[in-house]
Amino acid sequence: MKRSNITVVAADDHKVFMAGIDSLFQPLASINLIGVGYTGDDLLMLIQKYEPDIAFIDLSMKGATTQEIISTVTKNHSATKLIALSMYHDPHEVSLLMQAGLSGYVLKESAFDDVINAVETVLNGKPFISPALSKMIESLPFNDNQVFLTDREKLILTSAAQGHSNKKIGDLFDISERTVRFHLSNCCEKLNANGRSNAIAVALHRHLIELY
């Protein structure tokens, strides 16, 4: 069932991409893009201010982390559906984020084909994942004992293993130190490690990261 007067906010640090999304919605009477931001903090502010039907989130913005945004929306703004707009193709990461509370995941490369369908699908109570990614997720092997680190987690943990500080890692990947700490904390949890050094040791032992 299609709805009218759908309210949408979005945040992405690529302003040209955001302008493209805005132009996609402009001709549609049923969808109203009411707020745009460029950081995770911007997105949380927009969600709190407007209580929109849909919030589009980029996974690599500065400010509030993806997990912080998902947690806040799940607890305090449950009527808002979160849809990721991302260039990342890692099916393990997508699966984990959908389990954490995302309603949809749209690849930026196919955004202009998938965004409208994603909005309608999640508002009808069904999850949406870009078709190419959906097929990859369906083919994932199931193994309770297997540890999956996302591509970003591997990069950050590798940088930590190379002796870089959180600030240096943040500078390397253009993210905040808080986001670096968030990813490292995720690595520790997934690897059942009791700290940064232990996580590095476990990841190296399991060949999840490599030092060259």
N, C-alpha and C. Protein backbone atom coordinates (compact mmCIF):
# COMPACT_ATOMS: atom_id res chain seq x y z
N MET A 1 0.85 -1.19 0.00
CA MET A 1 0.00 0.00 0.00
C MET A 1 0.89 1.25 0.00
N LYS A 2 0.65 2.16 -0.94
CA LYS A 2 1.45 3.37 -1.03
C LYS A 2 0.88 4.46 -0.12
N ARG A 3 1.77 5.23 0.50
CA ARG A 3 1.37 6.31 1.38
C ARG A 3 1.64 7.65 0.73
N SER A 4 0.95 8.66 1.20
CA SER A 4 1.23 10.02 0.74
C SER A 4 1.77 10.82 1.91
N ASN A 5 2.32 11.99 1.60
CA ASN A 5 2.87 12.88 2.63
C ASN A 5 3.91 12.18 3.50
N ILE A 6 4.84 11.47 2.87
CA ILE A 6 5.92 10.79 3.58
C ILE A 6 7.02 11.81 3.88
N THR A 7 7.41 11.92 5.15
CA THR A 7 8.45 12.87 5.53
C THR A 7 9.80 12.17 5.64
N VAL A 8 10.82 12.82 5.10
CA VAL A 8 12.16 12.23 5.01
C VAL A 8 13.21 13.24 5.44
N VAL A 9 14.20 12.76 6.21
CA VAL A 9 15.42 13.54 6.46
C VAL A 9 16.60 12.69 6.02
N ALA A 10 17.72 13.34 5.77
CA ALA A 10 18.89 12.60 5.28
C ALA A 10 20.16 13.32 5.70
N ALA A 11 21.21 12.54 5.90
CA ALA A 11 22.52 13.11 6.20
C ALA A 11 23.59 12.33 5.45
N ASP A 12 24.48 13.06 4.81
CA ASP A 12 25.59 12.46 4.07
C ASP A 12 26.64 13.54 3.90
N ASP A 13 27.92 13.20 4.07
CA ASP A 13 28.95 14.22 3.99
C ASP A 13 29.36 14.55 2.55
N HIS A 14 28.73 13.90 1.58
CA HIS A 14 28.96 14.23 0.17
C HIS A 14 27.81 15.11 -0.32
N LYS A 15 28.06 16.40 -0.39
CA LYS A 15 26.99 17.36 -0.69
C LYS A 15 26.42 17.18 -2.10
N VAL A 16 27.27 16.79 -3.05
CA VAL A 16 26.78 16.58 -4.41
C VAL A 16 25.80 15.42 -4.45
N PHE A 17 26.12 14.34 -3.70
CA PHE A 17 25.21 13.20 -3.65
C PHE A 17 23.89 13.59 -3.01
N MET A 18 23.95 14.38 -1.94
CA MET A 18 22.73 14.83 -1.28
C MET A 18 21.89 15.67 -2.21
N ALA A 19 22.53 16.50 -3.03
CA ALA A 19 21.79 17.31 -4.00
C ALA A 19 21.07 16.40 -5.00
N GLY A 20 21.71 15.29 -5.36
CA GLY A 20 21.08 14.34 -6.28
C GLY A 20 19.86 13.68 -5.67
N ILE A 21 19.97 13.32 -4.40
CA ILE A 21 18.83 12.71 -3.71
C ILE A 21 17.68 13.72 -3.61
N ASP A 22 18.02 14.97 -3.32
CA ASP A 22 17.01 16.02 -3.25
C ASP A 22 16.29 16.16 -4.58
N SER A 23 17.04 16.14 -5.67
CA SER A 23 16.43 16.28 -7.00
C SER A 23 15.55 15.08 -7.34
N LEU A 24 15.88 13.91 -6.76
CA LEU A 24 15.07 12.71 -7.00
C LEU A 24 13.70 12.83 -6.34
N PHE A 25 13.67 13.43 -5.15
CA PHE A 25 12.41 13.54 -4.41
C PHE A 25 11.54 14.72 -4.86
N GLN A 26 12.15 15.76 -5.39
CA GLN A 26 11.43 16.99 -5.70
C GLN A 26 10.18 16.80 -6.57
N PRO A 27 10.24 15.95 -7.61
CA PRO A 27 9.04 15.82 -8.46
C PRO A 27 7.92 14.99 -7.81
N LEU A 28 8.19 14.36 -6.67
CA LEU A 28 7.23 13.44 -6.08
C LEU A 28 6.36 14.15 -5.05
N ALA A 29 5.06 14.14 -5.27
CA ALA A 29 4.14 14.78 -4.34
C ALA A 29 4.02 14.00 -3.04
N SER A 30 4.31 12.70 -3.08
CA SER A 30 4.08 11.84 -1.92
C SER A 30 5.24 11.85 -0.93
N ILE A 31 6.43 12.29 -1.35
CA ILE A 31 7.61 12.25 -0.48
C ILE A 31 8.17 13.66 -0.31
N ASN A 32 8.36 14.06 0.94
CA ASN A 32 8.82 15.41 1.24
C ASN A 32 10.12 15.36 2.02
N LEU A 33 11.23 15.76 1.37
CA LEU A 33 12.53 15.83 2.05
C LEU A 33 12.56 17.12 2.87
N ILE A 34 12.42 16.99 4.19
CA ILE A 34 12.23 18.17 5.03
C ILE A 34 13.48 18.62 5.77
N GLY A 35 14.56 17.83 5.70
CA GLY A 35 15.77 18.22 6.40
C GLY A 35 16.98 17.48 5.88
N VAL A 36 18.11 18.20 5.75
CA VAL A 36 19.35 17.61 5.25
C VAL A 36 20.49 18.00 6.17
N GLY A 37 21.37 17.04 6.46
CA GLY A 37 22.55 17.32 7.27
C GLY A 37 23.77 16.64 6.69
N TYR A 38 24.92 16.82 7.36
CA TYR A 38 26.17 16.31 6.81
C TYR A 38 26.99 15.51 7.82
N THR A 39 26.47 15.34 9.05
CA THR A 39 27.15 14.55 10.07
C THR A 39 26.13 13.69 10.81
N GLY A 40 26.65 12.74 11.59
CA GLY A 40 25.76 11.93 12.40
C GLY A 40 25.00 12.75 13.43
N ASP A 41 25.67 13.76 13.98
CA ASP A 41 25.00 14.65 14.94
C ASP A 41 23.88 15.42 14.27
N ASP A 42 24.11 15.88 13.04
CA ASP A 42 23.06 16.56 12.27
C ASP A 42 21.83 15.67 12.13
N LEU A 43 22.07 14.40 11.81
CA LEU A 43 20.95 13.49 11.57
C LEU A 43 20.14 13.28 12.84
N LEU A 44 20.80 13.10 13.96
CA LEU A 44 20.08 12.93 15.22
C LEU A 44 19.25 14.17 15.55
N MET A 45 19.79 15.35 15.28
CA MET A 45 19.06 16.59 15.53
C MET A 45 17.82 16.67 14.64
N LEU A 46 17.97 16.29 13.37
CA LEU A 46 16.85 16.33 12.44
C LEU A 46 15.75 15.34 12.85
N ILE A 47 16.17 14.16 13.29
CA ILE A 47 15.20 13.15 13.72
C ILE A 47 14.44 13.63 14.95
N GLN A 48 15.16 14.21 15.89
CA GLN A 48 14.52 14.71 17.11
C GLN A 48 13.57 15.86 16.78
N LYS A 49 13.96 16.72 15.85
CA LYS A 49 13.15 17.90 15.53
C LYS A 49 11.89 17.54 14.76
N TYR A 50 12.01 16.64 13.77
CA TYR A 50 10.89 16.41 12.84
C TYR A 50 10.15 15.10 13.06
N GLU A 51 10.76 14.12 13.76
CA GLU A 51 10.15 12.79 13.90
C GLU A 51 9.68 12.28 12.53
N PRO A 52 10.60 12.17 11.57
CA PRO A 52 10.20 11.82 10.20
C PRO A 52 9.83 10.35 10.05
N ASP A 53 9.18 10.06 8.93
CA ASP A 53 8.88 8.66 8.62
C ASP A 53 10.15 7.89 8.27
N ILE A 54 11.05 8.56 7.54
CA ILE A 54 12.28 7.93 7.05
C ILE A 54 13.48 8.81 7.35
N ALA A 55 14.59 8.19 7.76
CA ALA A 55 15.86 8.89 7.91
C ALA A 55 16.93 8.12 7.13
N PHE A 56 17.56 8.79 6.19
CA PHE A 56 18.65 8.18 5.42
C PHE A 56 19.97 8.50 6.10
N ILE A 57 20.77 7.46 6.30
CA ILE A 57 22.02 7.60 7.04
C ILE A 57 23.20 7.10 6.21
N ASP A 58 24.25 7.94 6.14
CA ASP A 58 25.52 7.51 5.56
C ASP A 58 26.34 6.86 6.67
N LEU A 59 27.04 5.78 6.37
CA LEU A 59 27.73 5.01 7.42
C LEU A 59 29.10 5.55 7.79
N SER A 60 29.61 6.52 7.05
CA SER A 60 30.99 6.95 7.30
C SER A 60 31.08 8.44 7.63
N MET A 61 30.01 9.02 8.15
CA MET A 61 30.03 10.44 8.50
C MET A 61 30.77 10.68 9.81
N LYS A 62 31.19 11.91 10.01
CA LYS A 62 31.72 12.31 11.30
C LYS A 62 30.55 12.50 12.26
N GLY A 63 30.89 12.62 13.55
CA GLY A 63 29.85 12.82 14.55
C GLY A 63 29.35 11.51 15.11
N ALA A 64 28.08 11.48 15.50
CA ALA A 64 27.49 10.28 16.09
C ALA A 64 27.69 9.08 15.17
N THR A 65 28.06 7.95 15.75
CA THR A 65 28.31 6.74 14.97
C THR A 65 27.00 6.10 14.52
N THR A 66 27.12 5.20 13.56
CA THR A 66 25.96 4.47 13.07
C THR A 66 25.24 3.74 14.20
N GLN A 67 26.02 3.08 15.06
CA GLN A 67 25.42 2.32 16.15
C GLN A 67 24.72 3.24 17.15
N GLU A 68 25.32 4.40 17.41
CA GLU A 68 24.70 5.36 18.31
C GLU A 68 23.38 5.87 17.74
N ILE A 69 23.37 6.12 16.44
CA ILE A 69 22.14 6.59 15.79
C ILE A 69 21.07 5.51 15.83
N ILE A 70 21.45 4.28 15.48
CA ILE A 70 20.49 3.18 15.51
C ILE A 70 19.91 3.01 16.91
N SER A 71 20.79 3.03 17.92
CA SER A 71 20.35 2.84 19.30
C SER A 71 19.40 3.95 19.74
N THR A 72 19.73 5.19 19.42
CA THR A 72 18.89 6.32 19.82
C THR A 72 17.53 6.27 19.15
N VAL A 73 17.53 5.97 17.85
CA VAL A 73 16.27 5.92 17.12
C VAL A 73 15.40 4.76 17.61
N THR A 74 16.02 3.61 17.84
CA THR A 74 15.28 2.44 18.32
C THR A 74 14.61 2.72 19.66
N LYS A 75 15.33 3.41 20.55
CA LYS A 75 14.81 3.67 21.90
C LYS A 75 13.82 4.82 21.95
N ASN A 76 14.12 5.89 21.19
CA ASN A 76 13.37 7.14 21.38
C ASN A 76 12.52 7.59 20.20
N HIS A 77 12.75 7.01 19.03
CA HIS A 77 12.02 7.47 17.83
C HIS A 77 11.65 6.26 16.98
N SER A 78 10.98 5.32 17.58
CA SER A 78 10.73 4.03 16.93
C SER A 78 9.86 4.13 15.68
N ALA A 79 9.14 5.24 15.51
CA ALA A 79 8.30 5.40 14.32
C ALA A 79 9.14 5.75 13.09
N THR A 80 10.37 6.20 13.31
CA THR A 80 11.26 6.56 12.20
C THR A 80 12.01 5.33 11.70
N LYS A 81 11.95 5.10 10.40
CA LYS A 81 12.66 3.98 9.78
C LYS A 81 14.01 4.47 9.27
N LEU A 82 15.08 3.77 9.65
CA LEU A 82 16.43 4.12 9.21
C LEU A 82 16.83 3.32 7.98
N ILE A 83 17.27 4.03 6.94
CA ILE A 83 17.76 3.39 5.73
C ILE A 83 19.18 3.88 5.46
N ALA A 84 20.11 2.97 5.31
CA ALA A 84 21.49 3.33 5.01
C ALA A 84 21.65 3.61 3.52
N LEU A 85 22.41 4.65 3.22
CA LEU A 85 22.87 4.92 1.87
C LEU A 85 24.38 4.78 1.91
N SER A 86 24.91 3.73 1.29
CA SER A 86 26.32 3.42 1.51
C SER A 86 26.98 2.88 0.26
N MET A 87 28.29 3.08 0.19
CA MET A 87 29.09 2.51 -0.89
C MET A 87 29.67 1.14 -0.51
N TYR A 88 29.51 0.75 0.76
CA TYR A 88 30.12 -0.48 1.24
C TYR A 88 29.30 -1.71 0.86
N HIS A 89 29.98 -2.73 0.32
CA HIS A 89 29.32 -3.93 -0.18
C HIS A 89 29.46 -5.13 0.75
N ASP A 90 30.06 -4.95 1.93
CA ASP A 90 30.35 -6.09 2.81
C ASP A 90 29.05 -6.71 3.32
N PRO A 91 28.71 -7.92 2.85
CA PRO A 91 27.44 -8.53 3.25
C PRO A 91 27.36 -8.83 4.73
N HIS A 92 28.51 -9.12 5.37
CA HIS A 92 28.51 -9.38 6.81
C HIS A 92 28.12 -8.12 7.58
N GLU A 93 28.70 -6.99 7.19
CA GLU A 93 28.37 -5.73 7.86
C GLU A 93 26.90 -5.39 7.66
N VAL A 94 26.41 -5.57 6.45
CA VAL A 94 25.01 -5.26 6.16
C VAL A 94 24.09 -6.12 7.03
N SER A 95 24.40 -7.41 7.10
CA SER A 95 23.59 -8.33 7.90
C SER A 95 23.56 -7.90 9.36
N LEU A 96 24.72 -7.53 9.90
CA LEU A 96 24.80 -7.11 11.30
C LEU A 96 24.02 -5.82 11.55
N LEU A 97 24.11 -4.88 10.62
CA LEU A 97 23.42 -3.60 10.79
C LEU A 97 21.91 -3.77 10.69
N MET A 98 21.47 -4.67 9.82
CA MET A 98 20.04 -4.93 9.72
C MET A 98 19.53 -5.58 11.01
N GLN A 99 20.34 -6.48 11.57
CA GLN A 99 19.97 -7.10 12.84
C GLN A 99 19.95 -6.07 13.97
N ALA A 100 20.83 -5.06 13.88
CA ALA A 100 20.93 -4.04 14.93
C ALA A 100 19.75 -3.08 14.90
N GLY A 101 19.10 -2.93 13.74
CA GLY A 101 17.94 -2.03 13.72
C GLY A 101 17.71 -1.23 12.46
N LEU A 102 18.59 -1.35 11.46
CA LEU A 102 18.30 -0.69 10.19
C LEU A 102 17.08 -1.33 9.54
N SER A 103 16.29 -0.52 8.85
CA SER A 103 15.14 -1.05 8.11
C SER A 103 15.49 -1.30 6.65
N GLY A 104 16.53 -0.60 6.17
CA GLY A 104 16.90 -0.77 4.77
C GLY A 104 18.36 -0.43 4.54
N TYR A 105 18.89 -0.95 3.43
CA TYR A 105 20.28 -0.71 3.07
C TYR A 105 20.35 -0.55 1.56
N VAL A 106 20.69 0.66 1.11
CA VAL A 106 20.72 0.98 -0.32
C VAL A 106 22.15 1.30 -0.73
N LEU A 107 22.64 0.63 -1.75
CA LEU A 107 23.96 0.94 -2.29
C LEU A 107 23.91 2.26 -3.05
N LYS A 108 24.91 3.10 -2.83
CA LYS A 108 24.92 4.40 -3.50
C LYS A 108 24.97 4.25 -5.02
N GLU A 109 25.62 3.21 -5.48
CA GLU A 109 25.75 3.03 -6.92
C GLU A 109 24.41 2.76 -7.60
N SER A 110 23.45 2.26 -6.82
CA SER A 110 22.12 2.00 -7.39
C SER A 110 21.04 2.81 -6.69
N ALA A 111 21.46 3.87 -5.98
CA ALA A 111 20.52 4.64 -5.15
C ALA A 111 19.37 5.22 -5.95
N PHE A 112 19.66 5.74 -7.13
CA PHE A 112 18.60 6.42 -7.89
C PHE A 112 17.61 5.43 -8.49
N ASP A 113 17.97 4.16 -8.49
CA ASP A 113 17.03 3.11 -8.91
C ASP A 113 16.28 2.53 -7.71
N ASP A 114 16.92 2.52 -6.54
CA ASP A 114 16.40 1.77 -5.40
C ASP A 114 15.71 2.61 -4.31
N VAL A 115 16.03 3.91 -4.23
CA VAL A 115 15.59 4.71 -3.09
C VAL A 115 14.08 4.74 -2.93
N ILE A 116 13.35 5.00 -3.99
CA ILE A 116 11.89 5.10 -3.89
C ILE A 116 11.29 3.76 -3.46
N ASN A 117 11.78 2.70 -4.06
CA ASN A 117 11.31 1.35 -3.69
C ASN A 117 11.63 1.05 -2.23
N ALA A 118 12.82 1.49 -1.78
CA ALA A 118 13.22 1.27 -0.40
C ALA A 118 12.27 1.97 0.56
N VAL A 119 11.92 3.21 0.27
CA VAL A 119 11.00 3.97 1.12
C VAL A 119 9.65 3.26 1.22
N GLU A 120 9.10 2.88 0.09
CA GLU A 120 7.79 2.23 0.08
C GLU A 120 7.83 0.87 0.79
N THR A 121 8.92 0.14 0.59
CA THR A 121 9.03 -1.20 1.19
C THR A 121 9.09 -1.13 2.71
N VAL A 122 9.97 -0.28 3.26
CA VAL A 122 10.12 -0.24 4.71
C VAL A 122 8.88 0.34 5.39
N LEU A 123 8.19 1.25 4.72
CA LEU A 123 6.97 1.80 5.31
C LEU A 123 5.82 0.79 5.30
N ASN A 124 5.97 -0.23 4.49
CA ASN A 124 5.02 -1.34 4.50
C ASN A 124 5.44 -2.45 5.46
N GLY A 125 6.45 -2.15 6.28
CA GLY A 125 6.85 -3.09 7.32
C GLY A 125 7.79 -4.19 6.89
N LYS A 126 8.43 -4.03 5.72
CA LYS A 126 9.35 -5.05 5.23
C LYS A 126 10.75 -4.45 5.08
N PRO A 127 11.78 -5.26 5.33
CA PRO A 127 13.14 -4.76 5.14
C PRO A 127 13.47 -4.62 3.66
N PHE A 128 14.37 -3.70 3.34
CA PHE A 128 14.83 -3.54 1.95
C PHE A 128 16.34 -3.55 1.91
N ILE A 129 16.89 -4.35 1.03
CA ILE A 129 18.33 -4.36 0.76
C ILE A 129 18.50 -4.36 -0.76
N SER A 130 19.40 -3.52 -1.26
CA SER A 130 19.65 -3.48 -2.70
C SER A 130 19.84 -4.91 -3.22
N PRO A 131 19.19 -5.24 -4.34
CA PRO A 131 19.16 -6.62 -4.83
C PRO A 131 20.52 -7.31 -4.91
N ALA A 132 21.55 -6.60 -5.38
CA ALA A 132 22.87 -7.23 -5.51
C ALA A 132 23.40 -7.68 -4.16
N LEU A 133 23.19 -6.86 -3.13
CA LEU A 133 23.64 -7.20 -1.78
C LEU A 133 22.79 -8.30 -1.18
N SER A 134 21.51 -8.26 -1.45
CA SER A 134 20.60 -9.26 -0.90
C SER A 134 21.01 -10.66 -1.32
N LYS A 135 21.42 -10.81 -2.57
CA LYS A 135 21.86 -12.12 -3.07
C LYS A 135 23.13 -12.56 -2.36
N MET A 136 24.03 -11.62 -2.09
CA MET A 136 25.27 -11.96 -1.41
C MET A 136 25.00 -12.41 0.03
N ILE A 137 24.06 -11.75 0.70
CA ILE A 137 23.73 -12.11 2.08
C ILE A 137 23.11 -13.49 2.14
N GLU A 138 22.25 -13.79 1.18
CA GLU A 138 21.59 -15.09 1.16
C GLU A 138 22.58 -16.23 0.99
N SER A 139 23.73 -15.93 0.36
CA SER A 139 24.71 -16.98 0.10
C SER A 139 25.76 -17.11 1.21
N LEU A 140 25.65 -16.29 2.28
CA LEU A 140 26.63 -16.37 3.36
C LEU A 140 26.54 -17.71 4.07
N PRO A 141 27.67 -18.32 4.40
CA PRO A 141 27.64 -19.55 5.19
C PRO A 141 27.25 -19.23 6.63
N PHE A 142 26.52 -20.12 7.25
CA PHE A 142 26.14 -19.91 8.65
C PHE A 142 27.07 -20.71 9.54
N ASN A 143 27.73 -20.00 10.43
CA ASN A 143 28.66 -20.66 11.35
C ASN A 143 28.70 -19.85 12.64
N ASP A 144 28.15 -20.40 13.70
CA ASP A 144 28.08 -19.68 14.96
C ASP A 144 29.46 -19.33 15.51
N ASN A 145 30.47 -20.12 15.16
CA ASN A 145 31.79 -19.91 15.72
C ASN A 145 32.66 -18.99 14.87
N GLN A 146 32.16 -18.58 13.73
CA GLN A 146 32.95 -17.76 12.83
C GLN A 146 32.82 -16.28 13.22
N VAL A 147 33.93 -15.56 13.22
CA VAL A 147 33.92 -14.15 13.56
C VAL A 147 34.05 -13.34 12.28
N PHE A 148 33.14 -12.39 12.10
CA PHE A 148 33.19 -11.52 10.93
C PHE A 148 33.52 -10.10 11.36
N LEU A 149 34.65 -9.59 10.90
CA LEU A 149 34.96 -8.17 11.07
C LEU A 149 34.61 -7.47 9.77
N THR A 150 33.99 -6.31 9.87
CA THR A 150 33.68 -5.55 8.66
C THR A 150 34.97 -5.03 8.04
N ASP A 151 34.90 -4.60 6.79
CA ASP A 151 36.07 -4.06 6.12
C ASP A 151 36.63 -2.86 6.89
N ARG A 152 35.73 -2.00 7.39
CA ARG A 152 36.19 -0.83 8.14
C ARG A 152 36.85 -1.25 9.45
N GLU A 153 36.29 -2.24 10.14
CA GLU A 153 36.88 -2.72 11.39
C GLU A 153 38.27 -3.30 11.14
N LYS A 154 38.43 -4.04 10.05
CA LYS A 154 39.73 -4.61 9.72
C LYS A 154 40.77 -3.51 9.47
N LEU A 155 40.37 -2.48 8.74
CA LEU A 155 41.29 -1.38 8.44
C LEU A 155 41.72 -0.66 9.71
N ILE A 156 40.75 -0.41 10.58
CA ILE A 156 41.06 0.32 11.82
C ILE A 156 41.90 -0.53 12.76
N LEU A 157 41.57 -1.81 12.87
CA LEU A 157 42.35 -2.68 13.75
C LEU A 157 43.76 -2.87 13.20
N THR A 158 43.90 -2.95 11.89
CA THR A 158 45.22 -3.06 11.27
C THR A 158 46.04 -1.80 11.56
N SER A 159 45.40 -0.64 11.45
CA SER A 159 46.10 0.62 11.74
C SER A 159 46.52 0.66 13.21
N ALA A 160 45.66 0.16 14.10
CA ALA A 160 46.01 0.10 15.52
C ALA A 160 47.20 -0.84 15.72
N ALA A 161 47.20 -1.95 15.00
CA ALA A 161 48.30 -2.91 15.11
C ALA A 161 49.61 -2.32 14.61
N GLN A 162 49.51 -1.33 13.72
CA GLN A 162 50.71 -0.66 13.20
C GLN A 162 51.21 0.43 14.14
N GLY A 163 50.51 0.58 15.26
CA GLY A 163 50.97 1.51 16.29
C GLY A 163 50.37 2.90 16.22
N HIS A 164 49.39 3.10 15.36
CA HIS A 164 48.79 4.42 15.23
C HIS A 164 47.85 4.72 16.40
N SER A 165 47.82 5.94 16.83
CA SER A 165 46.90 6.38 17.88
C SER A 165 45.49 6.52 17.30
N ASN A 166 44.50 6.64 18.19
CA ASN A 166 43.13 6.83 17.72
C ASN A 166 43.01 8.10 16.89
N LYS A 167 43.70 9.16 17.29
CA LYS A 167 43.66 10.41 16.53
C LYS A 167 44.23 10.22 15.14
N LYS A 168 45.37 9.52 15.05
CA LYS A 168 45.99 9.28 13.75
C LYS A 168 45.09 8.43 12.86
N ILE A 169 44.47 7.41 13.44
CA ILE A 169 43.55 6.55 12.68
C ILE A 169 42.37 7.38 12.18
N GLY A 170 41.84 8.24 13.05
CA GLY A 170 40.75 9.11 12.64
C GLY A 170 41.14 10.00 11.48
N ASP A 171 42.35 10.54 11.54
CA ASP A 171 42.84 11.39 10.44
C ASP A 171 43.00 10.59 9.15
N LEU A 172 43.49 9.36 9.28
CA LEU A 172 43.70 8.52 8.09
C LEU A 172 42.39 8.22 7.36
N PHE A 173 41.32 7.98 8.12
CA PHE A 173 40.06 7.57 7.51
C PHE A 173 38.99 8.67 7.56
N ASP A 174 39.41 9.88 7.97
CA ASP A 174 38.51 11.03 8.01
C ASP A 174 37.27 10.76 8.86
N ILE A 175 37.51 10.21 10.04
CA ILE A 175 36.43 9.95 11.00
C ILE A 175 36.86 10.49 12.36
N SER A 176 35.92 10.62 13.27
CA SER A 176 36.24 11.15 14.60
C SER A 176 36.92 10.09 15.46
N GLU A 177 37.60 10.55 16.52
CA GLU A 177 38.20 9.60 17.46
C GLU A 177 37.12 8.76 18.14
N ARG A 178 35.95 9.34 18.35
CA ARG A 178 34.84 8.60 18.95
C ARG A 178 34.42 7.44 18.05
N THR A 179 34.40 7.69 16.74
CA THR A 179 34.05 6.62 15.81
C THR A 179 35.12 5.54 15.80
N VAL A 180 36.39 5.93 15.91
CA VAL A 180 37.49 4.96 15.99
C VAL A 180 37.31 4.08 17.22
N ARG A 181 37.03 4.71 18.36
CA ARG A 181 36.83 3.95 19.60
C ARG A 181 35.64 3.00 19.48
N PHE A 182 34.60 3.46 18.81
CA PHE A 182 33.42 2.62 18.60
C PHE A 182 33.79 1.36 17.81
N HIS A 183 34.54 1.53 16.73
CA HIS A 183 34.93 0.37 15.92
C HIS A 183 35.85 -0.57 16.69
N LEU A 184 36.78 -0.02 17.44
CA LEU A 184 37.68 -0.85 18.22
C LEU A 184 36.93 -1.61 19.31
N SER A 185 35.94 -0.95 19.90
CA SER A 185 35.10 -1.61 20.90
C SER A 185 34.33 -2.78 20.28
N ASN A 186 33.82 -2.57 19.06
CA ASN A 186 33.14 -3.66 18.35
C ASN A 186 34.08 -4.82 18.10
N CYS A 187 35.32 -4.51 17.72
CA CYS A 187 36.31 -5.56 17.47
C CYS A 187 36.56 -6.37 18.75
N CYS A 188 36.70 -5.67 19.87
CA CYS A 188 36.93 -6.36 21.14
C CYS A 188 35.76 -7.28 21.48
N GLU A 189 34.55 -6.78 21.27
CA GLU A 189 33.37 -7.59 21.59
C GLU A 189 33.29 -8.82 20.70
N LYS A 190 33.50 -8.64 19.39
CA LYS A 190 33.40 -9.76 18.47
C LYS A 190 34.49 -10.80 18.71
N LEU A 191 35.67 -10.33 19.11
CA LEU A 191 36.81 -11.23 19.30
C LEU A 191 36.94 -11.72 20.74
N ASN A 192 35.99 -11.30 21.58
CA ASN A 192 36.01 -11.67 23.01
C ASN A 192 37.35 -11.27 23.62
N ALA A 193 37.80 -10.06 23.26
CA ALA A 193 39.10 -9.56 23.72
C ALA A 193 38.90 -8.56 24.85
N ASN A 194 39.88 -8.47 25.75
CA ASN A 194 39.75 -7.60 26.91
C ASN A 194 40.47 -6.27 26.72
N GLY A 195 40.72 -5.91 25.47
CA GLY A 195 41.36 -4.63 25.21
C GLY A 195 41.92 -4.58 23.81
N ARG A 196 42.41 -3.41 23.45
CA ARG A 196 42.94 -3.16 22.11
C ARG A 196 44.06 -4.14 21.75
N SER A 197 45.04 -4.28 22.63
CA SER A 197 46.18 -5.15 22.33
C SER A 197 45.76 -6.60 22.17
N ASN A 198 44.86 -7.05 23.04
CA ASN A 198 44.37 -8.42 22.96
C ASN A 198 43.59 -8.65 21.68
N ALA A 199 42.79 -7.65 21.28
CA ALA A 199 42.02 -7.76 20.03
C ALA A 199 42.96 -7.89 18.84
N ILE A 200 44.03 -7.11 18.84
CA ILE A 200 45.01 -7.19 17.76
C ILE A 200 45.65 -8.57 17.71
N ALA A 201 46.04 -9.07 18.89
CA ALA A 201 46.68 -10.39 18.95
C ALA A 201 45.75 -11.49 18.45
N VAL A 202 44.48 -11.43 18.88
CA VAL A 202 43.51 -12.45 18.46
C VAL A 202 43.26 -12.37 16.96
N ALA A 203 43.12 -11.16 16.44
CA ALA A 203 42.84 -10.97 15.01
C ALA A 203 44.01 -11.46 14.16
N LEU A 204 45.23 -11.19 14.62
CA LEU A 204 46.40 -11.67 13.88
C LEU A 204 46.47 -13.19 13.93
N HIS A 205 46.20 -13.77 15.10
CA HIS A 205 46.25 -15.22 15.25
C HIS A 205 45.23 -15.92 14.35
N ARG A 206 44.06 -15.30 14.19
CA ARG A 206 43.00 -15.90 13.37
C ARG A 206 43.11 -15.48 11.90
N HIS A 207 44.17 -14.71 11.57
CA HIS A 207 44.40 -14.25 10.19
C HIS A 207 43.24 -13.38 9.68
N LEU A 208 42.62 -12.63 10.61
CA LEU A 208 41.57 -11.69 10.22
C LEU A 208 42.17 -10.39 9.73
N ILE A 209 43.38 -10.08 10.23
CA ILE A 209 44.15 -8.94 9.72
C ILE A 209 45.57 -9.40 9.49
N GLU A 210 46.30 -8.64 8.69
CA GLU A 210 47.70 -8.98 8.40
C GLU A 210 48.54 -7.72 8.45
N LEU A 211 49.77 -7.86 8.90
CA LEU A 211 50.72 -6.76 8.89
C LEU A 211 51.74 -7.01 7.80
N TYR A 212 51.98 -5.99 7.01
CA TYR A 212 52.92 -6.17 5.90
C TYR A 212 54.23 -5.49 6.21
